[in-house]
Amino acid sequence: MKDKHGNPMTDKYLCEKLGMLFEWIPRVYDKTSGFVHLSDVHMAKTLSLDTKTAKDNTLGTLKISIGGSEPRFSDESIIEMLDAFYASTNVFLHLVHQWVFNKEYPIICRHLRRT
C-alpha cells in the first residue's frame, strides 16, 4: 500500500509521519517494534536464568518459556505499555474523526488546507 505521494506505507514510514504530529510516537516505536519483528528484545523476554542450578562456578540453567505463569515484565513496564496502548488508541480515534470530517466536509477541508 502506498500513500498519495507513492511512498510505501511501512511501519517505519508511518512512524515518521505520525511523529510529526505526536512527538512520543517514534520513542514508543523504537522501544516496542522489536516485539513485533521478533528481535533480540522479543527473544530476551522469553529467557531467564535459573541460578538455583548453579554449580562449580557456573551461572546456572538458561530457561526459555512461552506463556507460563511467571511474570516477564515489571509492574512499571506493564503500566507503561498500557499508557502507550491508551495513547495509541486515542491517536487512532483522532485520525478516524479527522478522516470522517474530511469526507463529510471536503470543501471546508480544501479551504483550510489553503490557509
Foldseek 3Di string as FASTA:
>chain_A
DADPVRHPPDVVVVQVVVCVVPVCSVVVCVVPVCCVVVHPVVQVLQWDADCVQDDDPDRHDIGGDDDDDDDSDDPVVVVVVVVVVVVVVVVVVVVVVVVVCCVVCVPVVVVVVVD
